[in-house]
Amino acid sequence: MGFLHQVRSGRDSLAQDILEEFRSWFIDRMVLSLINRRQIKPQDFEVEVSGAVKLKDDTRKLLLTTLQTRKQEKIQHPFLGEEVQIGLLPHIQALLLARHLRGDLQEYPPFVPR
């Protein structure tokens, strides 16, 4: 079951819905920062014979290292008012959604960063 994504075989629609809240704030922002700082350049991609485009190994390592570092940073959760690691935000939002679905919360509090 999902709110934003349709159910289909092989897709966790509800998990995709929760992650949608973080896509632009977390992932898009991180990738654009790497591009703007010229840490990722057009030369960091390989085009395969099939037309597929993939990251080179060293660039993939940079991306994953940056992701792991960013997930360790802490922010103030706008609904809970507590300081939490960014990497725990999807779990926290899943718990809040579960509370809403059980009827413990009147409305689901979406993650809206300040």
PDB file of N, CA and C in Angstrom:
ATOM      1  N   MET A   1       0.850  -1.176   0.000  1.00  0.00           N
ATOM      2  CA  MET A   1       0.000   0.000   0.000  1.00  0.00           C
ATOM      3  C   MET A   1       0.894   1.236   0.000  1.00  0.00           C
ATOM      4  N   GLY A   2       0.510   2.235  -0.722  1.00  0.00           N
ATOM      5  CA  GLY A   2       1.257   3.474  -0.735  1.00  0.00           C
ATOM      6  C   GLY A   2       0.326   4.656  -0.932  1.00  0.00           C
ATOM      7  N   PHE A   3       0.796   5.834  -0.582  1.00  0.00           N
ATOM      8  CA  PHE A   3       0.022   7.046  -0.777  1.00  0.00           C
ATOM      9  C   PHE A   3       0.401   7.720  -2.097  1.00  0.00           C
ATOM     10  N   LEU A   4       1.714   7.785  -2.378  1.00  0.00           N
ATOM     11  CA  LEU A   4       2.195   8.469  -3.566  1.00  0.00           C
ATOM     12  C   LEU A   4       2.556   7.522  -4.697  1.00  0.00           C
ATOM     13  N   HIS A   5       2.940   6.291  -4.363  1.00  0.00           N
ATOM     14  CA  HIS A   5       3.369   5.323  -5.366  1.00  0.00           C
ATOM     15  C   HIS A   5       2.372   4.171  -5.442  1.00  0.00           C
ATOM     16  N   GLN A   6       2.118   3.707  -6.650  1.00  0.00           N
ATOM     17  CA  GLN A   6       1.195   2.601  -6.828  1.00  0.00           C
ATOM     18  C   GLN A   6       1.857   1.296  -6.423  1.00  0.00           C
ATOM     19  N   VAL A   7       1.039   0.363  -5.952  1.00  0.00           N
ATOM     20  CA  VAL A   7       1.529  -0.955  -5.602  1.00  0.00           C
ATOM     21  C   VAL A   7       1.797  -1.731  -6.885  1.00  0.00           C
ATOM     22  N   ARG A   8       2.983  -2.317  -6.949  1.00  0.00           N
ATOM     23  CA  ARG A   8       3.279  -3.231  -8.041  1.00  0.00           C
ATOM     24  C   ARG A   8       4.344  -4.197  -7.557  1.00  0.00           C
ATOM     25  N   SER A   9       4.438  -5.309  -8.199  1.00  0.00           N
ATOM     26  CA  SER A   9       5.341  -6.365  -7.787  1.00  0.00           C
ATOM     27  C   SER A   9       6.779  -5.859  -7.652  1.00  0.00           C
ATOM     28  N   GLY A  10       7.401  -6.182  -6.514  1.00  0.00           N
ATOM     29  CA  GLY A  10       8.794  -5.811  -6.317  1.00  0.00           C
ATOM     30  C   GLY A  10       9.029  -4.407  -5.805  1.00  0.00           C
ATOM     31  N   ARG A  11       7.987  -3.654  -5.516  1.00  0.00           N
ATOM     32  CA  ARG A  11       8.168  -2.284  -5.031  1.00  0.00           C
ATOM     33  C   ARG A  11       7.502  -2.127  -3.677  1.00  0.00           C
ATOM     34  N   ASP A  12       8.264  -1.603  -2.739  1.00  0.00           N
ATOM     35  CA  ASP A  12       7.729  -1.296  -1.417  1.00  0.00           C
ATOM     36  C   ASP A  12       7.159   0.115  -1.472  1.00  0.00           C
ATOM     37  N   SER A  13       5.887   0.223  -1.830  1.00  0.00           N
ATOM     38  CA  SER A  13       5.280   1.523  -2.103  1.00  0.00           C
ATOM     39  C   SER A  13       5.285   2.456  -0.897  1.00  0.00           C
ATOM     40  N   LEU A  14       4.985   1.945   0.274  1.00  0.00           N
ATOM     41  CA  LEU A  14       4.944   2.792   1.459  1.00  0.00           C
ATOM     42  C   LEU A  14       6.345   3.307   1.805  1.00  0.00           C
ATOM     43  N   ALA A  15       7.350   2.451   1.667  1.00  0.00           N
ATOM     44  CA  ALA A  15       8.730   2.876   1.913  1.00  0.00           C
ATOM     45  C   ALA A  15       9.136   3.955   0.911  1.00  0.00           C
ATOM     46  N   GLN A  16       8.716   3.807  -0.333  1.00  0.00           N
ATOM     47  CA  GLN A  16       9.012   4.814  -1.352  1.00  0.00           C
ATOM     48  C   GLN A  16       8.351   6.144  -1.002  1.00  0.00           C
ATOM     49  N   ASP A  17       7.140   6.092  -0.451  1.00  0.00           N
ATOM     50  CA  ASP A  17       6.439   7.313  -0.051  1.00  0.00           C
ATOM     51  C   ASP A  17       7.222   8.053   1.025  1.00  0.00           C
ATOM     52  N   ILE A  18       7.708   7.323   2.010  1.00  0.00           N
ATOM     53  CA  ILE A  18       8.455   7.947   3.108  1.00  0.00           C
ATOM     54  C   ILE A  18       9.752   8.557   2.588  1.00  0.00           C
ATOM     55  N   LEU A  19      10.444   7.837   1.726  1.00  0.00           N
ATOM     56  CA  LEU A  19      11.710   8.346   1.203  1.00  0.00           C
ATOM     57  C   LEU A  19      11.521   9.559   0.298  1.00  0.00           C
ATOM     58  N   GLU A  20      10.348   9.694  -0.289  1.00  0.00           N
ATOM     59  CA  GLU A  20      10.067  10.842  -1.171  1.00  0.00           C
ATOM     60  C   GLU A  20      10.223  12.164  -0.417  1.00  0.00           C
ATOM     61  N   GLU A  21       9.940  12.151   0.879  1.00  0.00           N
ATOM     62  CA  GLU A  21      10.073  13.371   1.687  1.00  0.00           C
ATOM     63  C   GLU A  21      11.518  13.852   1.751  1.00  0.00           C
ATOM     64  N   PHE A  22      12.473  12.947   1.587  1.00  0.00           N
ATOM     65  CA  PHE A  22      13.885  13.280   1.762  1.00  0.00           C
ATOM     66  C   PHE A  22      14.642  13.466   0.457  1.00  0.00           C
ATOM     67  N   ARG A  23      14.015  13.094  -0.657  1.00  0.00           N
ATOM     68  CA  ARG A  23      14.725  13.089  -1.932  1.00  0.00           C
ATOM     69  C   ARG A  23      15.344  14.447  -2.256  1.00  0.00           C
ATOM     70  N   SER A  24      14.545  15.496  -2.311  1.00  0.00           N
ATOM     71  CA  SER A  24      15.097  16.799  -2.717  1.00  0.00           C
ATOM     72  C   SER A  24      15.961  17.413  -1.623  1.00  0.00           C
ATOM     73  N   TRP A  25      15.540  17.298  -0.377  1.00  0.00           N
ATOM     74  CA  TRP A  25      16.273  17.917   0.720  1.00  0.00           C
ATOM     75  C   TRP A  25      17.606  17.231   0.969  1.00  0.00           C
ATOM     76  N   PHE A  26      17.660  15.939   0.842  1.00  0.00           N
ATOM     77  CA  PHE A  26      18.860  15.194   1.222  1.00  0.00           C
ATOM     78  C   PHE A  26      19.687  14.770   0.007  1.00  0.00           C
ATOM     79  N   ILE A  27      19.133  13.948  -0.860  1.00  0.00           N
ATOM     80  CA  ILE A  27      19.901  13.359  -1.949  1.00  0.00           C
ATOM     81  C   ILE A  27      20.187  14.370  -3.056  1.00  0.00           C
ATOM     82  N   ASP A  28      19.162  15.034  -3.569  1.00  0.00           N
ATOM     83  CA  ASP A  28      19.381  16.002  -4.651  1.00  0.00           C
ATOM     84  C   ASP A  28      20.363  17.091  -4.212  1.00  0.00           C
ATOM     85  N   ARG A  29      20.192  17.561  -2.996  1.00  0.00           N
ATOM     86  CA  ARG A  29      21.059  18.609  -2.465  1.00  0.00           C
ATOM     87  C   ARG A  29      22.509  18.132  -2.360  1.00  0.00           C
ATOM     88  N   MET A  30      22.696  16.892  -1.907  1.00  0.00           N
ATOM     89  CA  MET A  30      24.044  16.336  -1.774  1.00  0.00           C
ATOM     90  C   MET A  30      24.708  16.186  -3.146  1.00  0.00           C
ATOM     91  N   VAL A  31      23.974  15.649  -4.111  1.00  0.00           N
ATOM     92  CA  VAL A  31      24.524  15.453  -5.448  1.00  0.00           C
ATOM     93  C   VAL A  31      24.850  16.797  -6.105  1.00  0.00           C
ATOM     94  N   LEU A  32      23.946  17.755  -5.999  1.00  0.00           N
ATOM     95  CA  LEU A  32      24.209  19.073  -6.582  1.00  0.00           C
ATOM     96  C   LEU A  32      25.402  19.753  -5.924  1.00  0.00           C
ATOM     97  N   SER A  33      25.578  19.554  -4.624  1.00  0.00           N
ATOM     98  CA  SER A  33      26.744  20.112  -3.935  1.00  0.00           C
ATOM     99  C   SER A  33      28.035  19.502  -4.478  1.00  0.00           C
ATOM    100  N   LEU A  34      28.035  18.185  -4.698  1.00  0.00           N
ATOM    101  CA  LEU A  34      29.221  17.527  -5.253  1.00  0.00           C
ATOM    102  C   LEU A  34      29.533  18.051  -6.659  1.00  0.00           C
ATOM    103  N   ILE A  35      28.498  18.299  -7.446  1.00  0.00           N
ATOM    104  CA  ILE A  35      28.694  18.825  -8.798  1.00  0.00           C
ATOM    105  C   ILE A  35      29.188  20.272  -8.735  1.00  0.00           C
ATOM    106  N   ASN A  36      28.563  21.090  -7.896  1.00  0.00           N
ATOM    107  CA  ASN A  36      28.956  22.498  -7.788  1.00  0.00           C
ATOM    108  C   ASN A  36      30.374  22.668  -7.273  1.00  0.00           C
ATOM    109  N   ARG A  37      30.813  21.757  -6.384  1.00  0.00           N
ATOM    110  CA  ARG A  37      32.190  21.807  -5.871  1.00  0.00           C
ATOM    111  C   ARG A  37      33.171  21.127  -6.819  1.00  0.00           C
ATOM    112  N   ARG A  38      32.660  20.697  -7.965  1.00  0.00           N
ATOM    113  CA  ARG A  38      33.452  20.032  -8.998  1.00  0.00           C
ATOM    114  C   ARG A  38      34.129  18.757  -8.482  1.00  0.00           C
ATOM    115  N   GLN A  39      33.460  18.080  -7.549  1.00  0.00           N
ATOM    116  CA  GLN A  39      33.945  16.795  -7.072  1.00  0.00           C
ATOM    117  C   GLN A  39      33.458  15.676  -7.985  1.00  0.00           C
ATOM    118  N   ILE A  40      32.382  15.941  -8.714  1.00  0.00           N
ATOM    119  CA  ILE A  40      31.889  15.025  -9.733  1.00  0.00           C
ATOM    120  C   ILE A  40      31.848  15.791 -11.051  1.00  0.00           C
ATOM    121  N   LYS A  41      32.515  15.209 -12.059  1.00  0.00           N
ATOM    122  CA  LYS A  41      32.623  15.854 -13.366  1.00  0.00           C
ATOM    123  C   LYS A  41      32.143  14.880 -14.450  1.00  0.00           C
ATOM    124  N   PRO A  42      31.905  15.374 -15.655  1.00  0.00           N
ATOM    125  CA  PRO A  42      31.466  14.481 -16.741  1.00  0.00           C
ATOM    126  C   PRO A  42      32.422  13.300 -16.973  1.00  0.00           C
ATOM    127  N   GLN A  43      33.706  13.494 -16.701  1.00  0.00           N
ATOM    128  CA  GLN A  43      34.686  12.430 -16.896  1.00  0.00           C
ATOM    129  C   GLN A  43      34.527  11.291 -15.878  1.00  0.00           C
ATOM    130  N   ASP A  44      33.733  11.501 -14.849  1.00  0.00           N
ATOM    131  CA  ASP A  44      33.538  10.490 -13.805  1.00  0.00           C
ATOM    132  C   ASP A  44      32.484   9.462 -14.175  1.00  0.00           C
ATOM    133  N   PHE A  45      31.944   9.563 -15.395  1.00  0.00           N
ATOM    134  CA  PHE A  45      30.926   8.627 -15.862  1.00  0.00           C
ATOM    135  C   PHE A  45      31.463   7.818 -17.033  1.00  0.00           C
ATOM    136  N   GLU A  46      30.995   6.583 -17.147  1.00  0.00           N
ATOM    137  CA  GLU A  46      31.340   5.718 -18.270  1.00  0.00           C
ATOM    138  C   GLU A  46      30.061   5.394 -19.032  1.00  0.00           C
ATOM    139  N   VAL A  47      30.157   5.456 -20.352  1.00  0.00           N
ATOM    140  CA  VAL A  47      29.024   5.068 -21.198  1.00  0.00           C
ATOM    141  C   VAL A  47      29.354   3.698 -21.771  1.00  0.00           C
ATOM    142  N   GLU A  48      28.505   2.733 -21.487  1.00  0.00           N
ATOM    143  CA  GLU A  48      28.736   1.378 -21.968  1.00  0.00           C
ATOM    144  C   GLU A  48      28.173   1.213 -23.379  1.00  0.00           C
ATOM    145  N   VAL A  49      28.534   0.134 -24.015  1.00  0.00           N
ATOM    146  CA  VAL A  49      28.107  -0.147 -25.383  1.00  0.00           C
ATOM    147  C   VAL A  49      26.581  -0.163 -25.489  1.00  0.00           C
ATOM    148  N   SER A  50      25.929  -0.648 -24.449  1.00  0.00           N
ATOM    149  CA  SER A  50      24.463  -0.726 -24.455  1.00  0.00           C
ATOM    150  C   SER A  50      23.803   0.641 -24.326  1.00  0.00           C
ATOM    151  N   GLY A  51      24.612   1.669 -24.015  1.00  0.00           N
ATOM    152  CA  GLY A  51      24.068   3.006 -23.818  1.00  0.00           C
ATOM    153  C   GLY A  51      23.880   3.341 -22.345  1.00  0.00           C
ATOM    154  N   ALA A  52      24.084   2.361 -21.482  1.00  0.00           N
ATOM    155  CA  ALA A  52      23.963   2.600 -20.045  1.00  0.00           C
ATOM    156  C   ALA A  52      25.087   3.523 -19.573  1.00  0.00           C
ATOM    157  N   VAL A  53      24.767   4.383 -18.625  1.00  0.00           N
ATOM    158  CA  VAL A  53      25.746   5.302 -18.054  1.00  0.00           C
ATOM    159  C   VAL A  53      25.940   4.915 -16.599  1.00  0.00           C
ATOM    160  N   LYS A  54      27.206   4.782 -16.182  1.00  0.00           N
ATOM    161  CA  LYS A  54      27.465   4.424 -14.786  1.00  0.00           C
ATOM    162  C   LYS A  54      28.643   5.219 -14.249  1.00  0.00           C
ATOM    163  N   LEU A  55      28.685   5.329 -12.928  1.00  0.00           N
ATOM    164  CA  LEU A  55      29.782   6.033 -12.267  1.00  0.00           C
ATOM    165  C   LEU A  55      31.029   5.168 -12.265  1.00  0.00           C
ATOM    166  N   LYS A  56      32.168   5.808 -12.372  1.00  0.00           N
ATOM    167  CA  LYS A  56      33.430   5.091 -12.226  1.00  0.00           C
ATOM    168  C   LYS A  56      33.591   4.719 -10.753  1.00  0.00           C
ATOM    169  N   ASP A  57      34.402   3.719 -10.486  1.00  0.00           N
ATOM    170  CA  ASP A  57      34.541   3.181  -9.126  1.00  0.00           C
ATOM    171  C   ASP A  57      34.971   4.229  -8.105  1.00  0.00           C
ATOM    172  N   ASP A  58      35.957   5.061  -8.438  1.00  0.00           N
ATOM    173  CA  ASP A  58      36.424   6.060  -7.469  1.00  0.00           C
ATOM    174  C   ASP A  58      35.358   7.112  -7.177  1.00  0.00           C
ATOM    175  N   THR A  59      34.558   7.456  -8.166  1.00  0.00           N
ATOM    176  CA  THR A  59      33.474   8.422  -7.971  1.00  0.00           C
ATOM    177  C   THR A  59      32.351   7.808  -7.136  1.00  0.00           C
ATOM    178  N   ARG A  60      32.053   6.546  -7.375  1.00  0.00           N
ATOM    179  CA  ARG A  60      31.043   5.852  -6.575  1.00  0.00           C
ATOM    180  C   ARG A  60      31.477   5.821  -5.106  1.00  0.00           C
ATOM    181  N   LYS A  61      32.771   5.580  -4.879  1.00  0.00           N
ATOM    182  CA  LYS A  61      33.285   5.573  -3.504  1.00  0.00           C
ATOM    183  C   LYS A  61      33.140   6.957  -2.864  1.00  0.00           C
ATOM    184  N   LEU A  62      33.444   8.012  -3.614  1.00  0.00           N
ATOM    185  CA  LEU A  62      33.272   9.382  -3.121  1.00  0.00           C
ATOM    186  C   LEU A  62      31.821   9.654  -2.758  1.00  0.00           C
ATOM    187  N   LEU A  63      30.915   9.249  -3.630  1.00  0.00           N
ATOM    188  CA  LEU A  63      29.484   9.463  -3.393  1.00  0.00           C
ATOM    189  C   LEU A  63      29.020   8.738  -2.128  1.00  0.00           C
ATOM    190  N   LEU A  64      29.414   7.475  -1.979  1.00  0.00           N
ATOM    191  CA  LEU A  64      28.997   6.702  -0.807  1.00  0.00           C
ATOM    192  C   LEU A  64      29.642   7.217   0.477  1.00  0.00           C
ATOM    193  N   THR A  65      30.893   7.657   0.400  1.00  0.00           N
ATOM    194  CA  THR A  65      31.563   8.227   1.574  1.00  0.00           C
ATOM    195  C   THR A  65      30.873   9.522   1.995  1.00  0.00           C
ATOM    196  N   THR A  66      30.536  10.354   1.028  1.00  0.00           N
ATOM    197  CA  THR A  66      29.825  11.606   1.316  1.00  0.00           C
ATOM    198  C   THR A  66      28.461  11.313   1.938  1.00  0.00           C
ATOM    199  N   LEU A  67      27.767  10.323   1.403  1.00  0.00           N
ATOM    200  CA  LEU A  67      26.456   9.933   1.932  1.00  0.00           C
ATOM    201  C   LEU A  67      26.571   9.479   3.383  1.00  0.00           C
ATOM    202  N   GLN A  68      27.537   8.622   3.682  1.00  0.00           N
ATOM    203  CA  GLN A  68      27.695   8.118   5.045  1.00  0.00           C
ATOM    204  C   GLN A  68      28.068   9.239   6.020  1.00  0.00           C
ATOM    205  N   THR A  69      28.910  10.154   5.580  1.00  0.00           N
ATOM    206  CA  THR A  69      29.287  11.293   6.427  1.00  0.00           C
ATOM    207  C   THR A  69      28.074  12.168   6.714  1.00  0.00           C
ATOM    208  N   ARG A  70      27.292  12.421   5.684  1.00  0.00           N
ATOM    209  CA  ARG A  70      26.101  13.278   5.839  1.00  0.00           C
ATOM    210  C   ARG A  70      25.073  12.632   6.770  1.00  0.00           C
ATOM    211  N   LYS A  71      24.943  11.304   6.697  1.00  0.00           N
ATOM    212  CA  LYS A  71      23.971  10.611   7.542  1.00  0.00           C
ATOM    213  C   LYS A  71      24.328  10.701   9.018  1.00  0.00           C
ATOM    214  N   GLN A  72      25.584  10.966   9.343  1.00  0.00           N
ATOM    215  CA  GLN A  72      26.012  11.088  10.738  1.00  0.00           C
ATOM    216  C   GLN A  72      25.721  12.467  11.326  1.00  0.00           C
ATOM    217  N   GLU A  73      25.486  13.454  10.466  1.00  0.00           N
ATOM    218  CA  GLU A  73      25.201  14.811  10.945  1.00  0.00           C
ATOM    219  C   GLU A  73      23.879  14.825  11.706  1.00  0.00           C
ATOM    220  N   LYS A  74      23.765  15.768  12.636  1.00  0.00           N
ATOM    221  CA  LYS A  74      22.556  15.858  13.448  1.00  0.00           C
ATOM    222  C   LYS A  74      21.782  17.128  13.118  1.00  0.00           C
ATOM    223  N   ILE A  75      20.453  17.007  13.188  1.00  0.00           N
ATOM    224  CA  ILE A  75      19.569  18.156  13.006  1.00  0.00           C
ATOM    225  C   ILE A  75      18.472  18.096  14.067  1.00  0.00           C
ATOM    226  N   GLN A  76      17.775  19.181  14.220  1.00  0.00           N
ATOM    227  CA  GLN A  76      16.623  19.243  15.112  1.00  0.00           C
ATOM    228  C   GLN A  76      15.394  18.766  14.342  1.00  0.00           C
ATOM    229  N   HIS A  77      14.764  17.681  14.799  1.00  0.00           N
ATOM    230  CA  HIS A  77      13.580  17.176  14.108  1.00  0.00           C
ATOM    231  C   HIS A  77      12.438  18.175  14.318  1.00  0.00           C
ATOM    232  N   PRO A  78      11.809  18.642  13.231  1.00  0.00           N
ATOM    233  CA  PRO A  78      10.799  19.693  13.361  1.00  0.00           C
ATOM    234  C   PRO A  78       9.557  19.291  14.158  1.00  0.00           C
ATOM    235  N   PHE A  79       9.172  18.032  14.162  1.00  0.00           N
ATOM    236  CA  PHE A  79       7.981  17.613  14.896  1.00  0.00           C
ATOM    237  C   PHE A  79       8.327  17.179  16.315  1.00  0.00           C
ATOM    238  N   LEU A  80       9.382  16.389  16.466  1.00  0.00           N
ATOM    239  CA  LEU A  80       9.748  15.874  17.786  1.00  0.00           C
ATOM    240  C   LEU A  80      10.469  16.905  18.639  1.00  0.00           C
ATOM    241  N   GLY A  81      11.154  17.850  17.977  1.00  0.00           N
ATOM    242  CA  GLY A  81      11.905  18.856  18.721  1.00  0.00           C
ATOM    243  C   GLY A  81      13.180  18.299  19.336  1.00  0.00           C
ATOM    244  N   GLU A  82      13.624  17.132  18.906  1.00  0.00           N
ATOM    245  CA  GLU A  82      14.839  16.504  19.428  1.00  0.00           C
ATOM    246  C   GLU A  82      15.923  16.501  18.370  1.00  0.00           C
ATOM    247  N   GLU A  83      17.178  16.471  18.830  1.00  0.00           N
ATOM    248  CA  GLU A  83      18.295  16.373  17.914  1.00  0.00           C
ATOM    249  C   GLU A  83      18.469  14.908  17.505  1.00  0.00           C
ATOM    250  N   VAL A  84      18.480  14.645  16.203  1.00  0.00           N
ATOM    251  CA  VAL A  84      18.602  13.279  15.680  1.00  0.00           C
ATOM    252  C   VAL A  84      19.590  13.250  14.522  1.00  0.00           C
ATOM    253  N   GLN A  85      20.187  12.074  14.297  1.00  0.00           N
ATOM    254  CA  GLN A  85      21.063  11.910  13.147  1.00  0.00           C
ATOM    255  C   GLN A  85      20.213  11.858  11.879  1.00  0.00           C
ATOM    256  N   ILE A  86      20.722  12.456  10.826  1.00  0.00           N
ATOM    257  CA  ILE A  86      19.995  12.489   9.564  1.00  0.00           C
ATOM    258  C   ILE A  86      19.696  11.080   9.064  1.00  0.00           C
ATOM    259  N   GLY A  87      20.612  10.144   9.289  1.00  0.00           N
ATOM    260  CA  GLY A  87      20.421   8.774   8.830  1.00  0.00           C
ATOM    261  C   GLY A  87      19.243   8.070   9.485  1.00  0.00           C
ATOM    262  N   LEU A  88      18.792   8.563  10.629  1.00  0.00           N
ATOM    263  CA  LEU A  88      17.655   7.957  11.328  1.00  0.00           C
ATOM    264  C   LEU A  88      16.306   8.549  10.920  1.00  0.00           C
ATOM    265  N   LEU A  89      16.323   9.595  10.122  1.00  0.00           N
ATOM    266  CA  LEU A  89      15.069  10.268   9.758  1.00  0.00           C
ATOM    267  C   LEU A  89      14.051   9.362   9.067  1.00  0.00           C
ATOM    268  N   PRO A  90      14.440   8.517   8.090  1.00  0.00           N
ATOM    269  CA  PRO A  90      13.426   7.636   7.490  1.00  0.00           C
ATOM    270  C   PRO A  90      12.786   6.695   8.516  1.00  0.00           C
ATOM    271  N   HIS A  91      13.579   6.196   9.451  1.00  0.00           N
ATOM    272  CA  HIS A  91      13.039   5.312  10.495  1.00  0.00           C
ATOM    273  C   HIS A  91      12.062   6.072  11.393  1.00  0.00           C
ATOM    274  N   ILE A  92      12.435   7.274  11.780  1.00  0.00           N
ATOM    275  CA  ILE A  92      11.574   8.093  12.636  1.00  0.00           C
ATOM    276  C   ILE A  92      10.257   8.402  11.921  1.00  0.00           C
ATOM    277  N   GLN A  93      10.341   8.758  10.647  1.00  0.00           N
ATOM    278  CA  GLN A  93       9.124   9.062   9.890  1.00  0.00           C
ATOM    279  C   GLN A  93       8.255   7.821   9.724  1.00  0.00           C
ATOM    280  N   ALA A  94       8.874   6.649   9.572  1.00  0.00           N
ATOM    281  CA  ALA A  94       8.101   5.408   9.478  1.00  0.00           C
ATOM    282  C   ALA A  94       7.361   5.144  10.784  1.00  0.00           C
ATOM    283  N   LEU A  95       8.010   5.421  11.910  1.00  0.00           N
ATOM    284  CA  LEU A  95       7.342   5.248  13.204  1.00  0.00           C
ATOM    285  C   LEU A  95       6.175   6.230  13.356  1.00  0.00           C
ATOM    286  N   LEU A  96       6.371   7.461  12.912  1.00  0.00           N
ATOM    287  CA  LEU A  96       5.289   8.449  12.984  1.00  0.00           C
ATOM    288  C   LEU A  96       4.132   8.064  12.071  1.00  0.00           C
ATOM    289  N   LEU A  97       4.451   7.529  10.891  1.00  0.00           N
ATOM    290  CA  LEU A  97       3.395   7.075   9.985  1.00  0.00           C
ATOM    291  C   LEU A  97       2.635   5.899  10.590  1.00  0.00           C
ATOM    292  N   ALA A  98       3.344   4.988  11.220  1.00  0.00           N
ATOM    293  CA  ALA A  98       2.693   3.843  11.879  1.00  0.00           C
ATOM    294  C   ALA A  98       1.758   4.328  12.981  1.00  0.00           C
ATOM    295  N   ARG A  99       2.204   5.322  13.749  1.00  0.00           N
ATOM    296  CA  ARG A  99       1.343   5.873  14.811  1.00  0.00           C
ATOM    297  C   ARG A  99       0.089   6.499  14.213  1.00  0.00           C
ATOM    298  N   HIS A 100       0.235   7.166  13.086  1.00  0.00           N
ATOM    299  CA  HIS A 100      -0.927   7.766  12.422  1.00  0.00           C
ATOM    300  C   HIS A 100      -1.887   6.680  11.921  1.00  0.00           C
ATOM    301  N   LEU A 101      -1.344   5.650  11.287  1.00  0.00           N
ATOM    302  CA  LEU A 101      -2.186   4.586  10.746  1.00  0.00           C
ATOM    303  C   LEU A 101      -2.912   3.809  11.846  1.00  0.00           C
ATOM    304  N   ARG A 102      -2.294   3.710  13.030  1.00  0.00           N
ATOM    305  CA  ARG A 102      -2.944   3.050  14.169  1.00  0.00           C
ATOM    306  C   ARG A 102      -3.957   3.951  14.855  1.00  0.00           C
ATOM    307  N   GLY A 103      -3.936   5.243  14.525  1.00  0.00           N
ATOM    308  CA  GLY A 103      -4.878   6.173  15.126  1.00  0.00           C
ATOM    309  C   GLY A 103      -4.319   6.907  16.333  1.00  0.00           C
ATOM    310  N   ASP A 104      -3.032   6.714  16.649  1.00  0.00           N
ATOM    311  CA  ASP A 104      -2.411   7.405  17.780  1.00  0.00           C
ATOM    312  C   ASP A 104      -2.150   8.882  17.489  1.00  0.00           C
ATOM    313  N   LEU A 105      -1.969   9.219  16.221  1.00  0.00           N
ATOM    314  CA  LEU A 105      -1.771  10.605  15.800  1.00  0.00           C
ATOM    315  C   LEU A 105      -2.910  10.994  14.862  1.00  0.00           C
ATOM    316  N   GLN A 106      -3.465  12.161  15.069  1.00  0.00           N
ATOM    317  CA  GLN A 106      -4.572  12.647  14.226  1.00  0.00           C
ATOM    318  C   GLN A 106      -4.151  12.748  12.770  1.00  0.00           C
ATOM    319  N   GLU A 107      -2.964  13.332  12.531  1.00  0.00           N
ATOM    320  CA  GLU A 107      -2.455  13.520  11.180  1.00  0.00           C
ATOM    321  C   GLU A 107      -1.001  13.054  11.139  1.00  0.00           C
ATOM    322  N   TYR A 108      -0.551  12.642   9.966  1.00  0.00           N
ATOM    323  CA  TYR A 108       0.850  12.275   9.777  1.00  0.00           C
ATOM    324  C   TYR A 108       1.659  13.557   9.651  1.00  0.00           C
ATOM    325  N   PRO A 109       2.674  13.735  10.513  1.00  0.00           N
ATOM    326  CA  PRO A 109       3.510  14.940  10.427  1.00  0.00           C
ATOM    327  C   PRO A 109       4.642  14.734   9.424  1.00  0.00           C
ATOM    328  N   PRO A 110       4.531  15.227   8.189  1.00  0.00           N
ATOM    329  CA  PRO A 110       5.593  15.045   7.210  1.00  0.00           C
ATOM    330  C   PRO A 110       6.860  15.767   7.641  1.00  0.00           C
ATOM    331  N   PHE A 111       7.994  15.274   7.174  1.00  0.00           N
ATOM    332  CA  PHE A 111       9.271  15.916   7.496  1.00  0.00           C
ATOM    333  C   PHE A 111       9.416  17.150   6.619  1.00  0.00           C
ATOM    334  N   VAL A 112       9.440  18.301   7.246  1.00  0.00           N
ATOM    335  CA  VAL A 112       9.642  19.564   6.542  1.00  0.00           C
ATOM    336  C   VAL A 112      10.815  20.264   7.231  1.00  0.00           C
ATOM    337  N   PRO A 113      11.997  20.226   6.601  1.00  0.00           N
ATOM    338  CA  PRO A 113      13.167  20.839   7.237  1.00  0.00           C
ATOM    339  C   PRO A 113      13.030  22.352   7.311  1.00  0.00           C
ATOM    340  N   ARG A 114      13.660  22.918   8.289  1.00  0.00           N
ATOM    341  CA  ARG A 114      13.618  24.375   8.467  1.00  0.00           C
ATOM    342  C   ARG A 114      14.767  25.023   7.774  1.00  0.00           C
TER     343      ARG A 114
END
